[in-house]
Amino acid sequence: MPDNSAPSVHEVELNALTGGSADLAQYEGKALLIVNVASKCGLTPQYTGLEQLQQRYADRGFSVLGVPCNQFMGQEPGGHEEIAEFCSATYGVTFPMTEKVDVNGETRHPLYERLTPFADAEGHSGDIRWNFEKFVISPEGTVVARFSPKTEPESAEVTAAIEGQLPG
């Protein structure tokens, strides 16, 4: 159940991977899947499933939002151009990507300050455990589901959570 007292992610200021604002307010009224991503991780092939979700649900008021992070064994070392080229050339990524941010620790980005208090089905809340941890966001901008890094993007649990938030 969404926590309607929780602050909306739509209010967070964040830059796009290629510069300028990522403008999270543009997702008001849409379902969103926020995922911390990395290019050199054993879970990097999940980009394929994330892109499949983007293609399947984009015309129904949904988007994946990739958030590069280099806090897990340096698995996202590149700059923004390198990250963008890798994602496009290797996985055909069309979903939006943000600037590289920290998801844990004293320099945790405000977006993750809003995401991490939410617990997943196993009861884990707090710090992000690894690359590709997933958060389903309601059209109102609140967290409604959290999934571990090893949960595949196209799993029944993730798709059900997304479908439950599609507008209309």
N, C-alpha and C. Protein backbone atom coordinates (compact mmCIF):
# COMPACT_ATOMS: atom_id res chain seq x y z
N MET A 1 0.85 -1.19 0.00
CA MET A 1 0.00 0.00 0.00
C MET A 1 0.88 1.24 0.00
N PRO A 2 0.64 2.18 -0.91
CA PRO A 2 1.47 3.38 -0.93
C PRO A 2 1.30 4.21 0.33
N ASP A 3 2.37 4.83 0.74
CA ASP A 3 2.34 5.72 1.90
C ASP A 3 2.08 7.13 1.39
N ASN A 4 0.83 7.57 1.51
CA ASN A 4 0.46 8.87 0.96
C ASN A 4 1.08 10.03 1.72
N SER A 5 1.67 9.76 2.89
CA SER A 5 2.35 10.82 3.62
C SER A 5 3.81 10.96 3.16
N ALA A 6 4.30 9.99 2.41
CA ALA A 6 5.68 10.03 1.93
C ALA A 6 5.83 11.11 0.87
N PRO A 7 6.97 11.78 0.86
CA PRO A 7 7.17 12.81 -0.15
C PRO A 7 7.28 12.19 -1.55
N SER A 8 6.76 12.88 -2.51
CA SER A 8 6.76 12.40 -3.89
C SER A 8 8.15 12.48 -4.50
N VAL A 9 8.51 11.48 -5.29
CA VAL A 9 9.78 11.54 -6.01
C VAL A 9 9.73 12.60 -7.10
N HIS A 10 8.52 13.01 -7.48
CA HIS A 10 8.38 14.02 -8.53
C HIS A 10 8.99 15.36 -8.12
N GLU A 11 9.19 15.58 -6.83
CA GLU A 11 9.73 16.84 -6.32
C GLU A 11 11.25 16.87 -6.30
N VAL A 12 11.90 15.73 -6.54
CA VAL A 12 13.36 15.64 -6.44
C VAL A 12 14.01 16.26 -7.68
N GLU A 13 15.07 17.03 -7.43
CA GLU A 13 15.84 17.59 -8.54
C GLU A 13 16.98 16.63 -8.87
N LEU A 14 17.09 16.31 -10.15
CA LEU A 14 18.05 15.33 -10.63
C LEU A 14 18.38 15.68 -12.06
N ASN A 15 19.63 15.48 -12.45
CA ASN A 15 20.02 15.78 -13.83
C ASN A 15 19.95 14.54 -14.70
N ALA A 16 19.72 14.77 -15.97
CA ALA A 16 19.73 13.69 -16.96
C ALA A 16 21.17 13.28 -17.23
N LEU A 17 21.35 12.07 -17.74
CA LEU A 17 22.68 11.55 -18.04
C LEU A 17 23.42 12.46 -19.02
N THR A 18 22.71 12.99 -19.97
CA THR A 18 23.35 13.81 -21.01
C THR A 18 23.35 15.29 -20.67
N GLY A 19 22.96 15.64 -19.44
CA GLY A 19 22.96 17.04 -19.00
C GLY A 19 21.56 17.61 -18.97
N GLY A 20 21.41 18.70 -18.26
CA GLY A 20 20.09 19.30 -18.09
C GLY A 20 19.29 18.53 -17.05
N SER A 21 18.10 19.00 -16.78
CA SER A 21 17.26 18.40 -15.75
C SER A 21 16.62 17.11 -16.23
N ALA A 22 16.55 16.13 -15.33
CA ALA A 22 15.81 14.90 -15.62
C ALA A 22 14.32 15.14 -15.44
N ASP A 23 13.94 16.27 -14.80
CA ASP A 23 12.57 16.70 -14.63
C ASP A 23 11.63 15.57 -14.22
N LEU A 24 11.78 15.11 -12.99
CA LEU A 24 10.95 14.01 -12.51
C LEU A 24 9.47 14.38 -12.45
N ALA A 25 9.17 15.68 -12.44
CA ALA A 25 7.76 16.11 -12.45
C ALA A 25 7.04 15.65 -13.72
N GLN A 26 7.78 15.39 -14.79
CA GLN A 26 7.15 14.93 -16.03
C GLN A 26 6.51 13.55 -15.89
N TYR A 27 6.85 12.84 -14.80
CA TYR A 27 6.29 11.51 -14.58
C TYR A 27 5.04 11.53 -13.71
N GLU A 28 4.58 12.72 -13.30
CA GLU A 28 3.34 12.80 -12.54
C GLU A 28 2.23 12.18 -13.38
N GLY A 29 1.44 11.30 -12.77
CA GLY A 29 0.37 10.64 -13.49
C GLY A 29 0.79 9.40 -14.24
N LYS A 30 2.08 9.04 -14.13
CA LYS A 30 2.61 7.85 -14.80
C LYS A 30 3.21 6.89 -13.79
N ALA A 31 3.24 5.62 -14.14
CA ALA A 31 3.95 4.62 -13.33
C ALA A 31 5.42 4.67 -13.73
N LEU A 32 6.28 4.37 -12.78
CA LEU A 32 7.72 4.47 -13.02
C LEU A 32 8.43 3.31 -12.35
N LEU A 33 9.46 2.80 -12.99
CA LEU A 33 10.34 1.80 -12.38
C LEU A 33 11.72 2.43 -12.31
N ILE A 34 12.18 2.73 -11.09
CA ILE A 34 13.50 3.34 -10.89
C ILE A 34 14.48 2.23 -10.53
N VAL A 35 15.61 2.19 -11.24
CA VAL A 35 16.59 1.12 -11.07
C VAL A 35 17.99 1.72 -11.05
N ASN A 36 18.79 1.38 -10.01
CA ASN A 36 20.19 1.79 -10.03
C ASN A 36 20.94 0.80 -10.92
N VAL A 37 21.63 1.32 -11.92
CA VAL A 37 22.23 0.49 -12.96
C VAL A 37 23.75 0.61 -12.99
N ALA A 38 24.40 -0.37 -13.62
CA ALA A 38 25.85 -0.37 -13.80
C ALA A 38 26.20 -1.15 -15.06
N SER A 39 27.23 -0.72 -15.74
CA SER A 39 27.62 -1.30 -17.03
C SER A 39 28.52 -2.53 -16.93
N LYS A 40 29.17 -2.72 -15.78
CA LYS A 40 30.16 -3.78 -15.68
C LYS A 40 29.84 -4.74 -14.53
N CYS A 41 28.58 -5.11 -14.42
CA CYS A 41 28.08 -5.94 -13.33
C CYS A 41 27.57 -7.26 -13.90
N GLY A 42 27.61 -8.30 -13.10
CA GLY A 42 27.05 -9.57 -13.53
C GLY A 42 25.56 -9.48 -13.82
N LEU A 43 24.89 -8.48 -13.26
CA LEU A 43 23.46 -8.29 -13.49
C LEU A 43 23.17 -7.34 -14.65
N THR A 44 24.20 -6.81 -15.30
CA THR A 44 24.02 -5.86 -16.39
C THR A 44 23.10 -6.38 -17.50
N PRO A 45 23.07 -7.68 -17.79
CA PRO A 45 22.12 -8.16 -18.81
C PRO A 45 20.65 -7.85 -18.48
N GLN A 46 20.36 -7.42 -17.25
CA GLN A 46 18.99 -7.01 -16.92
C GLN A 46 18.54 -5.81 -17.74
N TYR A 47 19.50 -5.09 -18.36
CA TYR A 47 19.12 -3.99 -19.25
C TYR A 47 18.15 -4.49 -20.32
N THR A 48 18.33 -5.73 -20.79
CA THR A 48 17.45 -6.30 -21.81
C THR A 48 16.01 -6.33 -21.30
N GLY A 49 15.79 -6.86 -20.10
CA GLY A 49 14.45 -6.93 -19.53
C GLY A 49 13.88 -5.56 -19.24
N LEU A 50 14.73 -4.64 -18.78
CA LEU A 50 14.26 -3.28 -18.52
C LEU A 50 13.77 -2.63 -19.81
N GLU A 51 14.52 -2.81 -20.88
CA GLU A 51 14.11 -2.24 -22.17
C GLU A 51 12.82 -2.90 -22.67
N GLN A 52 12.67 -4.20 -22.42
CA GLN A 52 11.43 -4.89 -22.81
C GLN A 52 10.23 -4.29 -22.07
N LEU A 53 10.40 -4.01 -20.78
CA LEU A 53 9.33 -3.36 -20.01
C LEU A 53 9.01 -1.99 -20.60
N GLN A 54 10.05 -1.24 -20.93
CA GLN A 54 9.86 0.09 -21.51
C GLN A 54 9.03 -0.02 -22.79
N GLN A 55 9.40 -0.95 -23.65
CA GLN A 55 8.68 -1.11 -24.92
C GLN A 55 7.24 -1.58 -24.70
N ARG A 56 7.05 -2.49 -23.76
CA ARG A 56 5.73 -3.08 -23.52
C ARG A 56 4.74 -2.08 -22.92
N TYR A 57 5.20 -1.21 -22.01
CA TYR A 57 4.27 -0.36 -21.26
C TYR A 57 4.37 1.14 -21.52
N ALA A 58 5.31 1.58 -22.32
CA ALA A 58 5.52 3.03 -22.51
C ALA A 58 4.26 3.74 -23.01
N ASP A 59 3.51 3.10 -23.89
CA ASP A 59 2.32 3.75 -24.43
C ASP A 59 1.12 3.67 -23.48
N ARG A 60 1.35 3.08 -22.29
CA ARG A 60 0.28 2.97 -21.29
C ARG A 60 0.58 3.84 -20.05
N GLY A 61 1.48 4.82 -20.21
CA GLY A 61 1.77 5.72 -19.09
C GLY A 61 2.82 5.17 -18.14
N PHE A 62 3.90 4.63 -18.67
CA PHE A 62 4.95 4.00 -17.86
C PHE A 62 6.32 4.35 -18.43
N SER A 63 7.31 4.40 -17.54
CA SER A 63 8.70 4.52 -17.98
C SER A 63 9.63 3.85 -16.97
N VAL A 64 10.69 3.28 -17.50
CA VAL A 64 11.83 2.88 -16.68
C VAL A 64 12.69 4.13 -16.54
N LEU A 65 13.34 4.30 -15.40
CA LEU A 65 14.31 5.37 -15.20
C LEU A 65 15.57 4.73 -14.65
N GLY A 66 16.63 4.73 -15.45
CA GLY A 66 17.91 4.17 -15.05
C GLY A 66 18.74 5.20 -14.32
N VAL A 67 19.31 4.79 -13.17
CA VAL A 67 20.11 5.70 -12.35
C VAL A 67 21.50 5.07 -12.16
N PRO A 68 22.48 5.46 -12.98
CA PRO A 68 23.82 4.89 -12.84
C PRO A 68 24.44 5.19 -11.48
N CYS A 69 25.15 4.19 -10.96
CA CYS A 69 25.80 4.31 -9.65
C CYS A 69 27.10 3.52 -9.69
N ASN A 70 28.14 4.08 -9.10
CA ASN A 70 29.46 3.44 -9.08
C ASN A 70 29.87 3.01 -7.68
N GLN A 71 28.92 2.79 -6.78
CA GLN A 71 29.24 2.47 -5.39
C GLN A 71 29.45 0.98 -5.12
N PHE A 72 29.24 0.13 -6.10
CA PHE A 72 29.35 -1.31 -5.88
C PHE A 72 30.52 -1.86 -6.69
N MET A 73 31.66 -1.96 -6.03
CA MET A 73 32.89 -2.47 -6.64
C MET A 73 33.27 -1.74 -7.93
N GLY A 74 32.96 -0.46 -8.02
CA GLY A 74 33.37 0.35 -9.17
C GLY A 74 32.84 -0.16 -10.49
N GLN A 75 31.62 -0.69 -10.51
CA GLN A 75 31.10 -1.33 -11.71
C GLN A 75 30.42 -0.36 -12.69
N GLU A 76 30.46 0.94 -12.39
CA GLU A 76 29.99 1.96 -13.34
C GLU A 76 31.01 3.09 -13.37
N PRO A 77 32.22 2.78 -13.88
CA PRO A 77 33.32 3.75 -13.80
C PRO A 77 33.27 4.86 -14.86
N GLY A 78 32.53 4.67 -15.93
CA GLY A 78 32.56 5.60 -17.06
C GLY A 78 31.90 6.93 -16.79
N GLY A 79 32.20 7.85 -17.68
CA GLY A 79 31.53 9.14 -17.68
C GLY A 79 30.19 9.02 -18.39
N HIS A 80 29.45 10.13 -18.41
CA HIS A 80 28.09 10.07 -18.97
C HIS A 80 28.06 9.66 -20.43
N GLU A 81 29.01 10.12 -21.25
CA GLU A 81 29.00 9.74 -22.66
C GLU A 81 29.27 8.25 -22.83
N GLU A 82 30.22 7.72 -22.06
CA GLU A 82 30.54 6.30 -22.14
C GLU A 82 29.36 5.44 -21.70
N ILE A 83 28.70 5.83 -20.63
CA ILE A 83 27.54 5.09 -20.14
C ILE A 83 26.43 5.10 -21.20
N ALA A 84 26.14 6.28 -21.75
CA ALA A 84 25.08 6.40 -22.75
C ALA A 84 25.39 5.54 -23.97
N GLU A 85 26.63 5.58 -24.44
CA GLU A 85 27.02 4.80 -25.61
C GLU A 85 26.90 3.30 -25.33
N PHE A 86 27.38 2.86 -24.17
CA PHE A 86 27.29 1.44 -23.80
C PHE A 86 25.84 0.97 -23.79
N CYS A 87 24.98 1.72 -23.13
CA CYS A 87 23.58 1.31 -22.99
C CYS A 87 22.87 1.26 -24.34
N SER A 88 23.14 2.23 -25.18
CA SER A 88 22.51 2.29 -26.48
C SER A 88 23.05 1.21 -27.41
N ALA A 89 24.37 1.12 -27.51
CA ALA A 89 24.97 0.18 -28.46
C ALA A 89 24.83 -1.27 -28.03
N THR A 90 24.96 -1.55 -26.74
CA THR A 90 24.95 -2.93 -26.26
C THR A 90 23.54 -3.46 -26.03
N TYR A 91 22.66 -2.63 -25.48
CA TYR A 91 21.33 -3.11 -25.09
C TYR A 91 20.17 -2.37 -25.76
N GLY A 92 20.46 -1.42 -26.64
CA GLY A 92 19.40 -0.70 -27.33
C GLY A 92 18.49 0.07 -26.40
N VAL A 93 19.05 0.56 -25.30
CA VAL A 93 18.26 1.26 -24.28
C VAL A 93 17.65 2.54 -24.85
N THR A 94 16.35 2.67 -24.68
CA THR A 94 15.65 3.89 -25.09
C THR A 94 15.07 4.64 -23.89
N PHE A 95 15.02 3.98 -22.71
CA PHE A 95 14.45 4.65 -21.54
C PHE A 95 15.40 5.71 -21.02
N PRO A 96 14.87 6.69 -20.30
CA PRO A 96 15.71 7.78 -19.79
C PRO A 96 16.69 7.31 -18.72
N MET A 97 17.82 7.98 -18.69
CA MET A 97 18.86 7.72 -17.70
C MET A 97 19.22 9.03 -17.03
N THR A 98 19.55 8.95 -15.75
CA THR A 98 19.95 10.14 -14.99
C THR A 98 21.47 10.21 -14.90
N GLU A 99 21.92 11.29 -14.31
CA GLU A 99 23.32 11.42 -13.97
C GLU A 99 23.72 10.30 -13.02
N LYS A 100 25.01 10.03 -12.91
CA LYS A 100 25.51 9.04 -11.96
C LYS A 100 25.42 9.64 -10.56
N VAL A 101 24.84 8.86 -9.62
CA VAL A 101 24.66 9.34 -8.25
C VAL A 101 25.08 8.27 -7.25
N ASP A 102 25.21 8.68 -6.00
CA ASP A 102 25.41 7.74 -4.90
C ASP A 102 24.04 7.37 -4.35
N VAL A 103 23.85 6.08 -4.09
CA VAL A 103 22.56 5.60 -3.57
C VAL A 103 22.64 5.26 -2.09
N ASN A 104 23.85 5.20 -1.53
CA ASN A 104 24.06 4.88 -0.12
C ASN A 104 25.02 5.88 0.50
N GLY A 105 25.06 5.90 1.83
CA GLY A 105 26.06 6.67 2.56
C GLY A 105 25.71 8.14 2.73
N GLU A 106 26.70 8.88 3.22
CA GLU A 106 26.51 10.29 3.53
C GLU A 106 26.21 11.12 2.29
N THR A 107 26.65 10.66 1.12
CA THR A 107 26.41 11.41 -0.11
C THR A 107 25.25 10.83 -0.92
N ARG A 108 24.39 10.04 -0.25
CA ARG A 108 23.21 9.46 -0.92
C ARG A 108 22.38 10.58 -1.55
N HIS A 109 21.99 10.39 -2.80
CA HIS A 109 21.18 11.38 -3.50
C HIS A 109 19.80 11.48 -2.85
N PRO A 110 19.20 12.68 -2.82
CA PRO A 110 17.87 12.85 -2.23
C PRO A 110 16.81 11.90 -2.81
N LEU A 111 16.94 11.50 -4.07
CA LEU A 111 16.00 10.53 -4.63
C LEU A 111 16.02 9.25 -3.81
N TYR A 112 17.22 8.77 -3.50
CA TYR A 112 17.34 7.53 -2.75
C TYR A 112 17.02 7.71 -1.27
N GLU A 113 17.10 8.95 -0.77
CA GLU A 113 16.61 9.23 0.59
C GLU A 113 15.11 8.93 0.66
N ARG A 114 14.41 9.17 -0.44
CA ARG A 114 12.96 8.92 -0.47
C ARG A 114 12.63 7.47 -0.77
N LEU A 115 13.50 6.77 -1.50
CA LEU A 115 13.21 5.39 -1.90
C LEU A 115 13.57 4.37 -0.83
N THR A 116 14.72 4.52 -0.19
CA THR A 116 15.27 3.45 0.66
C THR A 116 14.48 3.13 1.92
N PRO A 117 13.67 4.01 2.49
CA PRO A 117 12.90 3.58 3.67
C PRO A 117 11.86 2.50 3.37
N PHE A 118 11.47 2.34 2.12
CA PHE A 118 10.44 1.37 1.74
C PHE A 118 11.02 -0.05 1.76
N ALA A 119 10.31 -0.97 2.38
CA ALA A 119 10.78 -2.36 2.49
C ALA A 119 10.27 -3.21 1.34
N ASP A 120 11.10 -4.18 0.93
CA ASP A 120 10.67 -5.13 -0.08
C ASP A 120 9.86 -6.25 0.57
N ALA A 121 9.47 -7.25 -0.22
CA ALA A 121 8.62 -8.33 0.29
C ALA A 121 9.29 -9.14 1.39
N GLU A 122 10.62 -9.16 1.42
CA GLU A 122 11.37 -9.88 2.46
C GLU A 122 11.60 -9.02 3.69
N GLY A 123 11.16 -7.76 3.64
CA GLY A 123 11.31 -6.88 4.78
C GLY A 123 12.56 -6.02 4.76
N HIS A 124 13.36 -6.10 3.68
CA HIS A 124 14.58 -5.28 3.62
C HIS A 124 14.23 -3.84 3.27
N SER A 125 14.67 -2.94 4.12
CA SER A 125 14.60 -1.51 3.83
C SER A 125 15.98 -0.95 4.12
N GLY A 126 16.16 0.33 3.82
CA GLY A 126 17.47 0.94 4.06
C GLY A 126 18.36 0.82 2.84
N ASP A 127 19.66 0.70 3.09
CA ASP A 127 20.64 0.76 2.02
C ASP A 127 20.33 -0.15 0.85
N ILE A 128 20.69 0.36 -0.32
CA ILE A 128 20.63 -0.43 -1.56
C ILE A 128 21.68 -1.52 -1.44
N ARG A 129 21.31 -2.75 -1.79
CA ARG A 129 22.20 -3.89 -1.61
C ARG A 129 23.20 -4.07 -2.74
N TRP A 130 22.79 -3.74 -3.96
CA TRP A 130 23.67 -3.97 -5.12
C TRP A 130 23.06 -3.25 -6.32
N ASN A 131 23.73 -3.31 -7.44
CA ASN A 131 23.21 -2.76 -8.68
C ASN A 131 21.89 -3.45 -9.05
N PHE A 132 21.02 -2.72 -9.69
CA PHE A 132 19.76 -3.23 -10.23
C PHE A 132 18.68 -3.51 -9.17
N GLU A 133 18.72 -2.78 -8.05
CA GLU A 133 17.60 -2.81 -7.12
C GLU A 133 16.49 -1.97 -7.75
N LYS A 134 15.26 -2.44 -7.64
CA LYS A 134 14.15 -1.85 -8.39
C LYS A 134 13.06 -1.30 -7.47
N PHE A 135 12.52 -0.14 -7.86
CA PHE A 135 11.43 0.50 -7.12
C PHE A 135 10.31 0.85 -8.09
N VAL A 136 9.10 0.38 -7.81
CA VAL A 136 7.93 0.76 -8.59
C VAL A 136 7.32 1.98 -7.91
N ILE A 137 7.08 3.00 -8.73
CA ILE A 137 6.57 4.28 -8.24
C ILE A 137 5.16 4.50 -8.79
N SER A 138 4.26 4.92 -7.93
CA SER A 138 2.87 5.18 -8.33
C SER A 138 2.80 6.45 -9.18
N PRO A 139 1.66 6.64 -9.88
CA PRO A 139 1.48 7.89 -10.62
C PRO A 139 1.52 9.13 -9.72
N GLU A 140 1.30 8.95 -8.42
CA GLU A 140 1.38 10.07 -7.47
C GLU A 140 2.81 10.33 -6.99
N GLY A 141 3.74 9.44 -7.34
CA GLY A 141 5.14 9.66 -7.00
C GLY A 141 5.62 8.97 -5.74
N THR A 142 4.84 8.02 -5.20
CA THR A 142 5.25 7.30 -4.00
C THR A 142 5.67 5.88 -4.33
N VAL A 143 6.54 5.32 -3.50
CA VAL A 143 7.01 3.95 -3.68
C VAL A 143 5.89 2.99 -3.33
N VAL A 144 5.64 2.03 -4.21
CA VAL A 144 4.62 1.01 -3.93
C VAL A 144 5.21 -0.40 -3.88
N ALA A 145 6.42 -0.58 -4.41
CA ALA A 145 7.06 -1.90 -4.37
C ALA A 145 8.56 -1.73 -4.53
N ARG A 146 9.29 -2.66 -3.90
CA ARG A 146 10.75 -2.68 -3.98
C ARG A 146 11.16 -4.12 -4.25
N PHE A 147 12.13 -4.30 -5.14
CA PHE A 147 12.58 -5.63 -5.52
C PHE A 147 14.10 -5.73 -5.46
N SER A 148 14.57 -6.89 -5.04
CA SER A 148 16.00 -7.11 -4.89
C SER A 148 16.70 -7.05 -6.25
N PRO A 149 18.01 -6.83 -6.22
CA PRO A 149 18.76 -6.78 -7.47
C PRO A 149 18.63 -8.05 -8.32
N LYS A 150 18.51 -9.19 -7.69
CA LYS A 150 18.45 -10.44 -8.46
C LYS A 150 17.08 -10.72 -9.05
N THR A 151 16.06 -9.97 -8.65
CA THR A 151 14.73 -10.16 -9.24
C THR A 151 14.77 -9.63 -10.68
N GLU A 152 14.46 -10.50 -11.62
CA GLU A 152 14.49 -10.12 -13.03
C GLU A 152 13.42 -9.07 -13.33
N PRO A 153 13.74 -8.09 -14.18
CA PRO A 153 12.77 -7.04 -14.49
C PRO A 153 11.44 -7.56 -15.02
N GLU A 154 11.47 -8.63 -15.80
CA GLU A 154 10.23 -9.14 -16.39
C GLU A 154 9.59 -10.25 -15.56
N SER A 155 10.01 -10.39 -14.29
CA SER A 155 9.41 -11.40 -13.42
C SER A 155 7.94 -11.09 -13.19
N ALA A 156 7.19 -12.11 -12.79
CA ALA A 156 5.76 -11.93 -12.53
C ALA A 156 5.51 -10.88 -11.46
N GLU A 157 6.36 -10.84 -10.41
CA GLU A 157 6.17 -9.89 -9.32
C GLU A 157 6.33 -8.45 -9.80
N VAL A 158 7.38 -8.21 -10.58
CA VAL A 158 7.64 -6.85 -11.05
C VAL A 158 6.56 -6.41 -12.04
N THR A 159 6.24 -7.27 -13.00
CA THR A 159 5.23 -6.87 -13.99
C THR A 159 3.87 -6.65 -13.32
N ALA A 160 3.52 -7.47 -12.34
CA ALA A 160 2.24 -7.28 -11.64
C ALA A 160 2.23 -5.93 -10.91
N ALA A 161 3.34 -5.60 -10.27
CA ALA A 161 3.42 -4.31 -9.56
C ALA A 161 3.30 -3.13 -10.54
N ILE A 162 3.95 -3.26 -11.68
CA ILE A 162 3.84 -2.19 -12.70
C ILE A 162 2.41 -2.09 -13.22
N GLU A 163 1.84 -3.23 -13.59
CA GLU A 163 0.48 -3.22 -14.14
C GLU A 163 -0.52 -2.67 -13.15
N GLY A 164 -0.28 -2.87 -11.87
CA GLY A 164 -1.16 -2.34 -10.84
C GLY A 164 -1.09 -0.83 -10.70
N GLN A 165 -0.07 -0.21 -11.30
CA GLN A 165 0.10 1.23 -11.19
C GLN A 165 -0.15 1.97 -12.51
N LEU A 166 -0.39 1.24 -13.57
CA LEU A 166 -0.61 1.92 -14.85
C LEU A 166 -1.85 2.79 -14.76
N PRO A 167 -1.73 4.03 -15.22
CA PRO A 167 -2.88 4.92 -15.13
C PRO A 167 -4.02 4.48 -16.05
N GLY A 168 -5.23 4.91 -15.71
CA GLY A 168 -6.38 4.64 -16.56
C GLY A 168 -6.85 3.29 -16.36
